[in-house]
Amino acid sequence: MSVDQHPGLRPAAAAGASAAPVDPDVRPVPPEEQALDPRSIARASLAAGRNRSLWWTLGGIAGAVGAAFAWDAVVGVLVLAALLVVYGAVRAVGTSPGPAAVVVRSKALDVTVLLGCAAALVALAAVLPGA
């Protein structure tokens, strides 16, 4: 995700800093390499508490831990794998930019990592001894 795609992060020039005179011999700096405004970063981090996808993720992880304590570790791992499958499906069919909790890189890479980790957890749960 580039700086321009993230709603809380803006380059310092876009956040109100004075613009330097334009030199025709100097190539423009790509947005992802421009300096970030620390105030924009602080506002974005404070707004994270209002992001529902982070709360759903926390709830899913808490559910997996609760299932592991209530039943056994295999059930907890399968609940966690189910959470990854759901997020993989949401990322695959959702519109861009998608939920903040699961958007890291490109859509294809995110879906591959989420579903691959879910498959790895299921494989590990298959060899995990029951309690």
N, C-alpha and C. Protein backbone atom coordinates (compact mmCIF):
# COMPACT_ATOMS: atom_id res chain seq x y z
N MET A 1 0.84 -1.16 0.00
CA MET A 1 0.00 0.00 0.00
C MET A 1 0.89 1.22 0.00
N SER A 2 0.68 2.11 -0.92
CA SER A 2 1.50 3.30 -0.99
C SER A 2 0.99 4.36 -0.01
N VAL A 3 1.76 5.39 0.16
CA VAL A 3 1.41 6.47 1.08
C VAL A 3 0.11 7.13 0.64
N ASP A 4 -0.09 7.29 -0.67
CA ASP A 4 -1.29 7.97 -1.16
C ASP A 4 -2.55 7.15 -0.89
N GLN A 5 -2.46 5.82 -0.85
CA GLN A 5 -3.62 4.97 -0.63
C GLN A 5 -4.03 4.93 0.83
N HIS A 6 -3.13 5.21 1.74
CA HIS A 6 -3.46 5.15 3.16
C HIS A 6 -4.11 6.48 3.56
N PRO A 7 -5.32 6.42 4.15
CA PRO A 7 -6.03 7.66 4.41
C PRO A 7 -5.39 8.54 5.48
N GLY A 8 -4.61 7.98 6.40
CA GLY A 8 -4.07 8.78 7.48
C GLY A 8 -2.67 9.28 7.26
N LEU A 9 -2.00 8.80 6.24
CA LEU A 9 -0.62 9.20 6.00
C LEU A 9 -0.54 10.04 4.74
N ARG A 10 0.00 11.23 4.88
CA ARG A 10 0.18 12.10 3.73
C ARG A 10 1.62 12.61 3.71
N PRO A 11 2.17 12.81 2.54
CA PRO A 11 3.50 13.40 2.48
C PRO A 11 3.49 14.78 3.12
N ALA A 12 4.63 15.19 3.64
CA ALA A 12 4.73 16.47 4.33
C ALA A 12 4.34 17.62 3.42
N ALA A 13 4.65 17.55 2.14
CA ALA A 13 4.30 18.63 1.22
C ALA A 13 2.80 18.75 1.08
N ALA A 14 2.07 17.62 1.12
CA ALA A 14 0.63 17.65 0.98
C ALA A 14 -0.05 18.07 2.27
N ALA A 15 0.66 17.99 3.39
CA ALA A 15 0.07 18.32 4.69
C ALA A 15 0.21 19.78 5.04
N GLY A 16 0.69 20.60 4.14
CA GLY A 16 0.74 22.03 4.39
C GLY A 16 2.14 22.60 4.47
N ALA A 17 3.18 21.81 4.26
CA ALA A 17 4.54 22.33 4.29
C ALA A 17 4.75 23.21 3.06
N SER A 18 5.63 24.18 3.17
CA SER A 18 5.88 25.07 2.04
C SER A 18 6.60 24.32 0.94
N ALA A 19 6.19 24.59 -0.28
CA ALA A 19 6.78 23.90 -1.43
C ALA A 19 8.04 24.64 -1.87
N ALA A 20 9.07 23.87 -2.19
CA ALA A 20 10.33 24.44 -2.67
C ALA A 20 10.16 24.83 -4.13
N PRO A 21 10.98 25.77 -4.62
CA PRO A 21 10.90 26.12 -6.04
C PRO A 21 11.19 24.90 -6.91
N VAL A 22 10.48 24.79 -8.00
CA VAL A 22 10.61 23.64 -8.89
C VAL A 22 11.80 23.83 -9.81
N ASP A 23 12.71 22.87 -9.79
CA ASP A 23 13.87 22.88 -10.66
C ASP A 23 13.58 21.93 -11.81
N PRO A 24 13.62 22.38 -13.06
CA PRO A 24 13.26 21.51 -14.18
C PRO A 24 14.24 20.35 -14.38
N ASP A 25 15.46 20.44 -13.84
CA ASP A 25 16.43 19.36 -14.01
C ASP A 25 16.28 18.26 -12.96
N VAL A 26 15.49 18.48 -11.92
CA VAL A 26 15.34 17.52 -10.84
C VAL A 26 14.06 16.73 -11.06
N ARG A 27 14.18 15.42 -11.01
CA ARG A 27 13.02 14.56 -11.16
C ARG A 27 12.18 14.60 -9.88
N PRO A 28 10.86 14.50 -9.99
CA PRO A 28 10.03 14.52 -8.78
C PRO A 28 10.23 13.23 -7.96
N VAL A 29 10.11 13.37 -6.66
CA VAL A 29 10.27 12.24 -5.75
C VAL A 29 8.95 11.47 -5.72
N PRO A 30 8.99 10.14 -5.88
CA PRO A 30 7.75 9.35 -5.81
C PRO A 30 7.09 9.52 -4.43
N PRO A 31 5.77 9.42 -4.35
CA PRO A 31 5.07 9.65 -3.09
C PRO A 31 5.53 8.72 -1.96
N GLU A 32 5.88 7.48 -2.28
CA GLU A 32 6.30 6.55 -1.23
C GLU A 32 7.67 6.87 -0.65
N GLU A 33 8.42 7.76 -1.32
CA GLU A 33 9.74 8.15 -0.82
C GLU A 33 9.75 9.55 -0.20
N GLN A 34 8.61 10.24 -0.20
CA GLN A 34 8.54 11.56 0.39
C GLN A 34 8.46 11.47 1.90
N ALA A 35 8.90 12.53 2.56
CA ALA A 35 8.85 12.56 4.02
C ALA A 35 7.39 12.60 4.48
N LEU A 36 7.10 11.89 5.57
CA LEU A 36 5.75 11.85 6.10
C LEU A 36 5.57 12.90 7.18
N ASP A 37 4.35 13.38 7.27
CA ASP A 37 4.00 14.35 8.30
C ASP A 37 3.71 13.60 9.60
N PRO A 38 4.48 13.83 10.66
CA PRO A 38 4.26 13.10 11.91
C PRO A 38 2.86 13.30 12.49
N ARG A 39 2.26 14.46 12.24
CA ARG A 39 0.90 14.69 12.75
C ARG A 39 -0.10 13.79 12.06
N SER A 40 0.08 13.53 10.77
CA SER A 40 -0.81 12.62 10.05
C SER A 40 -0.67 11.20 10.58
N ILE A 41 0.56 10.81 10.87
CA ILE A 41 0.79 9.47 11.42
C ILE A 41 0.12 9.33 12.78
N ALA A 42 0.24 10.35 13.63
CA ALA A 42 -0.38 10.30 14.95
C ALA A 42 -1.89 10.23 14.85
N ARG A 43 -2.48 11.01 13.94
CA ARG A 43 -3.94 10.96 13.77
C ARG A 43 -4.38 9.59 13.28
N ALA A 44 -3.61 8.98 12.37
CA ALA A 44 -3.97 7.66 11.86
C ALA A 44 -3.88 6.60 12.95
N SER A 45 -2.88 6.70 13.83
CA SER A 45 -2.75 5.70 14.89
C SER A 45 -3.86 5.86 15.92
N LEU A 46 -4.29 7.08 16.19
CA LEU A 46 -5.40 7.29 17.12
C LEU A 46 -6.72 6.81 16.53
N ALA A 47 -6.86 6.88 15.22
CA ALA A 47 -8.09 6.43 14.56
C ALA A 47 -8.16 4.92 14.46
N ALA A 48 -7.08 4.21 14.75
CA ALA A 48 -7.08 2.74 14.64
C ALA A 48 -8.07 2.10 15.60
N GLY A 49 -8.32 2.72 16.74
CA GLY A 49 -9.27 2.16 17.70
C GLY A 49 -10.69 2.16 17.18
N ARG A 50 -10.99 2.98 16.19
CA ARG A 50 -12.33 3.02 15.61
C ARG A 50 -12.46 2.11 14.39
N ASN A 51 -11.42 1.35 14.08
CA ASN A 51 -11.44 0.47 12.92
C ASN A 51 -12.06 -0.87 13.32
N ARG A 52 -13.19 -1.21 12.73
CA ARG A 52 -13.90 -2.44 13.10
C ARG A 52 -13.12 -3.71 12.78
N SER A 53 -12.34 -3.71 11.71
CA SER A 53 -11.64 -4.94 11.34
C SER A 53 -10.61 -5.34 12.40
N LEU A 54 -10.01 -4.35 13.06
CA LEU A 54 -9.07 -4.67 14.14
C LEU A 54 -9.80 -5.30 15.32
N TRP A 55 -11.00 -4.82 15.62
CA TRP A 55 -11.78 -5.40 16.72
C TRP A 55 -12.26 -6.80 16.37
N TRP A 56 -12.66 -7.03 15.11
CA TRP A 56 -13.05 -8.38 14.68
C TRP A 56 -11.87 -9.35 14.78
N THR A 57 -10.69 -8.87 14.42
CA THR A 57 -9.50 -9.71 14.53
C THR A 57 -9.21 -10.05 15.98
N LEU A 58 -9.27 -9.07 16.84
CA LEU A 58 -9.05 -9.30 18.27
C LEU A 58 -10.08 -10.28 18.82
N GLY A 59 -11.33 -10.13 18.41
CA GLY A 59 -12.37 -11.05 18.86
C GLY A 59 -12.15 -12.47 18.36
N GLY A 60 -11.69 -12.61 17.12
CA GLY A 60 -11.41 -13.94 16.57
C GLY A 60 -10.26 -14.62 17.28
N ILE A 61 -9.22 -13.86 17.59
CA ILE A 61 -8.08 -14.43 18.31
C ILE A 61 -8.50 -14.81 19.73
N ALA A 62 -9.29 -13.94 20.36
CA ALA A 62 -9.78 -14.26 21.71
C ALA A 62 -10.67 -15.50 21.68
N GLY A 63 -11.48 -15.64 20.63
CA GLY A 63 -12.30 -16.84 20.48
C GLY A 63 -11.46 -18.10 20.31
N ALA A 64 -10.38 -17.99 19.56
CA ALA A 64 -9.49 -19.14 19.37
C ALA A 64 -8.82 -19.53 20.67
N VAL A 65 -8.38 -18.55 21.43
CA VAL A 65 -7.75 -18.84 22.73
C VAL A 65 -8.79 -19.43 23.68
N GLY A 66 -9.99 -18.87 23.68
CA GLY A 66 -11.06 -19.42 24.52
C GLY A 66 -11.42 -20.85 24.15
N ALA A 67 -11.47 -21.15 22.85
CA ALA A 67 -11.76 -22.51 22.41
C ALA A 67 -10.64 -23.47 22.82
N ALA A 68 -9.40 -22.98 22.78
CA ALA A 68 -8.28 -23.83 23.19
C ALA A 68 -8.37 -24.15 24.68
N PHE A 69 -8.79 -23.17 25.49
CA PHE A 69 -8.94 -23.43 26.92
C PHE A 69 -10.17 -24.29 27.22
N ALA A 70 -11.27 -24.04 26.53
CA ALA A 70 -12.52 -24.75 26.80
C ALA A 70 -12.47 -26.19 26.33
N TRP A 71 -11.89 -26.45 25.16
CA TRP A 71 -11.83 -27.81 24.63
C TRP A 71 -10.40 -28.29 24.63
N ASP A 72 -9.69 -28.06 23.53
CA ASP A 72 -8.26 -28.41 23.49
C ASP A 72 -7.56 -27.57 22.43
N ALA A 73 -6.26 -27.75 22.32
CA ALA A 73 -5.46 -26.91 21.43
C ALA A 73 -5.83 -27.11 19.97
N VAL A 74 -6.24 -28.30 19.60
CA VAL A 74 -6.59 -28.57 18.21
C VAL A 74 -7.79 -27.71 17.80
N VAL A 75 -8.79 -27.64 18.66
CA VAL A 75 -9.97 -26.83 18.35
C VAL A 75 -9.58 -25.35 18.26
N GLY A 76 -8.72 -24.88 19.16
CA GLY A 76 -8.26 -23.49 19.11
C GLY A 76 -7.52 -23.18 17.82
N VAL A 77 -6.68 -24.11 17.38
CA VAL A 77 -5.95 -23.90 16.13
C VAL A 77 -6.90 -23.90 14.94
N LEU A 78 -7.91 -24.75 14.96
CA LEU A 78 -8.87 -24.78 13.85
C LEU A 78 -9.72 -23.51 13.82
N VAL A 79 -10.06 -22.96 14.98
CA VAL A 79 -10.79 -21.68 15.01
C VAL A 79 -9.91 -20.58 14.44
N LEU A 80 -8.65 -20.57 14.79
CA LEU A 80 -7.73 -19.57 14.24
C LEU A 80 -7.57 -19.75 12.72
N ALA A 81 -7.50 -20.98 12.26
CA ALA A 81 -7.42 -21.23 10.81
C ALA A 81 -8.70 -20.76 10.11
N ALA A 82 -9.85 -20.98 10.75
CA ALA A 82 -11.11 -20.50 10.17
C ALA A 82 -11.12 -18.97 10.06
N LEU A 83 -10.57 -18.30 11.06
CA LEU A 83 -10.47 -16.84 11.00
C LEU A 83 -9.62 -16.40 9.80
N LEU A 84 -8.51 -17.10 9.57
CA LEU A 84 -7.65 -16.77 8.43
C LEU A 84 -8.36 -17.03 7.10
N VAL A 85 -9.14 -18.10 7.03
CA VAL A 85 -9.87 -18.40 5.80
C VAL A 85 -10.91 -17.32 5.53
N VAL A 86 -11.62 -16.90 6.58
CA VAL A 86 -12.62 -15.84 6.42
C VAL A 86 -11.96 -14.55 5.95
N TYR A 87 -10.83 -14.19 6.57
CA TYR A 87 -10.14 -12.98 6.14
C TYR A 87 -9.57 -13.12 4.73
N GLY A 88 -9.13 -14.30 4.36
CA GLY A 88 -8.66 -14.52 2.99
C GLY A 88 -9.79 -14.33 1.99
N ALA A 89 -10.98 -14.84 2.32
CA ALA A 89 -12.13 -14.67 1.43
C ALA A 89 -12.56 -13.21 1.36
N VAL A 90 -12.56 -12.53 2.51
CA VAL A 90 -12.92 -11.11 2.53
C VAL A 90 -11.95 -10.30 1.68
N ARG A 91 -10.68 -10.61 1.81
CA ARG A 91 -9.66 -9.88 1.03
C ARG A 91 -9.77 -10.20 -0.45
N ALA A 92 -10.14 -11.45 -0.78
CA ALA A 92 -10.23 -11.85 -2.18
C ALA A 92 -11.40 -11.19 -2.90
N VAL A 93 -12.55 -11.10 -2.26
CA VAL A 93 -13.73 -10.58 -2.95
C VAL A 93 -14.03 -9.13 -2.61
N GLY A 94 -13.36 -8.57 -1.62
CA GLY A 94 -13.63 -7.19 -1.21
C GLY A 94 -13.04 -6.18 -2.15
N THR A 95 -13.52 -4.94 -2.00
CA THR A 95 -12.99 -3.85 -2.80
C THR A 95 -11.74 -3.28 -2.15
N SER A 96 -10.94 -2.60 -2.92
CA SER A 96 -9.73 -1.98 -2.39
C SER A 96 -10.08 -0.71 -1.65
N PRO A 97 -9.44 -0.31 -0.61
CA PRO A 97 -8.27 -0.92 -0.02
C PRO A 97 -8.57 -2.11 0.87
N GLY A 98 -9.78 -2.31 1.33
CA GLY A 98 -10.12 -3.47 2.14
C GLY A 98 -9.95 -3.20 3.63
N PRO A 99 -10.23 -4.21 4.46
CA PRO A 99 -10.10 -4.04 5.91
C PRO A 99 -8.65 -3.79 6.30
N ALA A 100 -8.43 -2.86 7.19
CA ALA A 100 -7.07 -2.47 7.57
C ALA A 100 -6.32 -3.62 8.24
N ALA A 101 -7.03 -4.53 8.87
CA ALA A 101 -6.37 -5.62 9.60
C ALA A 101 -5.74 -6.63 8.66
N VAL A 102 -6.18 -6.71 7.43
CA VAL A 102 -5.67 -7.75 6.53
C VAL A 102 -4.97 -7.19 5.29
N VAL A 103 -5.00 -5.90 5.08
CA VAL A 103 -4.36 -5.31 3.90
C VAL A 103 -2.91 -5.02 4.24
N VAL A 104 -2.00 -5.72 3.56
CA VAL A 104 -0.58 -5.50 3.78
C VAL A 104 0.10 -5.16 2.45
N ARG A 105 -0.05 -6.00 1.48
CA ARG A 105 0.58 -5.79 0.17
C ARG A 105 -0.48 -5.87 -0.91
N SER A 106 -0.17 -6.50 -2.01
CA SER A 106 -1.14 -6.64 -3.09
C SER A 106 -2.21 -7.64 -2.68
N LYS A 107 -3.34 -7.58 -3.35
CA LYS A 107 -4.46 -8.46 -3.02
C LYS A 107 -4.06 -9.92 -3.19
N ALA A 108 -3.39 -10.24 -4.28
CA ALA A 108 -3.01 -11.63 -4.53
C ALA A 108 -2.06 -12.16 -3.46
N LEU A 109 -1.10 -11.34 -3.06
CA LEU A 109 -0.16 -11.77 -2.03
C LEU A 109 -0.85 -11.93 -0.68
N ASP A 110 -1.74 -10.99 -0.34
CA ASP A 110 -2.46 -11.09 0.92
C ASP A 110 -3.31 -12.36 0.98
N VAL A 111 -4.05 -12.66 -0.08
CA VAL A 111 -4.89 -13.85 -0.11
C VAL A 111 -4.04 -15.10 -0.04
N THR A 112 -2.93 -15.13 -0.76
CA THR A 112 -2.05 -16.29 -0.74
C THR A 112 -1.48 -16.54 0.65
N VAL A 113 -1.04 -15.48 1.32
CA VAL A 113 -0.46 -15.63 2.66
C VAL A 113 -1.53 -16.06 3.66
N LEU A 114 -2.71 -15.44 3.62
CA LEU A 114 -3.77 -15.78 4.57
C LEU A 114 -4.22 -17.24 4.39
N LEU A 115 -4.48 -17.64 3.17
CA LEU A 115 -4.93 -19.02 2.94
C LEU A 115 -3.81 -20.03 3.15
N GLY A 116 -2.59 -19.65 2.82
CA GLY A 116 -1.45 -20.55 3.06
C GLY A 116 -1.21 -20.77 4.55
N CYS A 117 -1.33 -19.71 5.33
CA CYS A 117 -1.19 -19.86 6.78
C CYS A 117 -2.32 -20.69 7.36
N ALA A 118 -3.53 -20.52 6.84
CA ALA A 118 -4.65 -21.33 7.31
C ALA A 118 -4.40 -22.81 7.00
N ALA A 119 -3.90 -23.10 5.80
CA ALA A 119 -3.61 -24.49 5.44
C ALA A 119 -2.49 -25.05 6.32
N ALA A 120 -1.49 -24.24 6.62
CA ALA A 120 -0.41 -24.70 7.50
C ALA A 120 -0.93 -24.98 8.90
N LEU A 121 -1.82 -24.15 9.40
CA LEU A 121 -2.39 -24.39 10.74
C LEU A 121 -3.23 -25.66 10.76
N VAL A 122 -4.00 -25.90 9.71
CA VAL A 122 -4.78 -27.14 9.66
C VAL A 122 -3.87 -28.36 9.59
N ALA A 123 -2.79 -28.27 8.82
CA ALA A 123 -1.85 -29.38 8.75
C ALA A 123 -1.18 -29.61 10.10
N LEU A 124 -0.82 -28.55 10.78
CA LEU A 124 -0.21 -28.71 12.11
C LEU A 124 -1.22 -29.25 13.13
N ALA A 125 -2.48 -28.83 13.00
CA ALA A 125 -3.50 -29.35 13.91
C ALA A 125 -3.73 -30.83 13.70
N ALA A 126 -3.50 -31.30 12.48
CA ALA A 126 -3.69 -32.73 12.20
C ALA A 126 -2.64 -33.59 12.89
N VAL A 127 -1.45 -33.04 13.10
CA VAL A 127 -0.39 -33.82 13.76
C VAL A 127 -0.25 -33.47 15.24
N LEU A 128 -1.01 -32.47 15.69
CA LEU A 128 -0.94 -32.08 17.10
C LEU A 128 -1.65 -33.13 17.97
N PRO A 129 -0.99 -33.62 18.99
CA PRO A 129 -1.64 -34.62 19.82
C PRO A 129 -2.80 -33.99 20.60
N GLY A 130 -3.91 -34.72 20.71
CA GLY A 130 -5.05 -34.23 21.47
C GLY A 130 -4.76 -34.19 22.95
N ALA A 131 -5.49 -33.34 23.65
CA ALA A 131 -5.26 -33.18 25.10
C ALA A 131 -5.88 -34.30 25.89
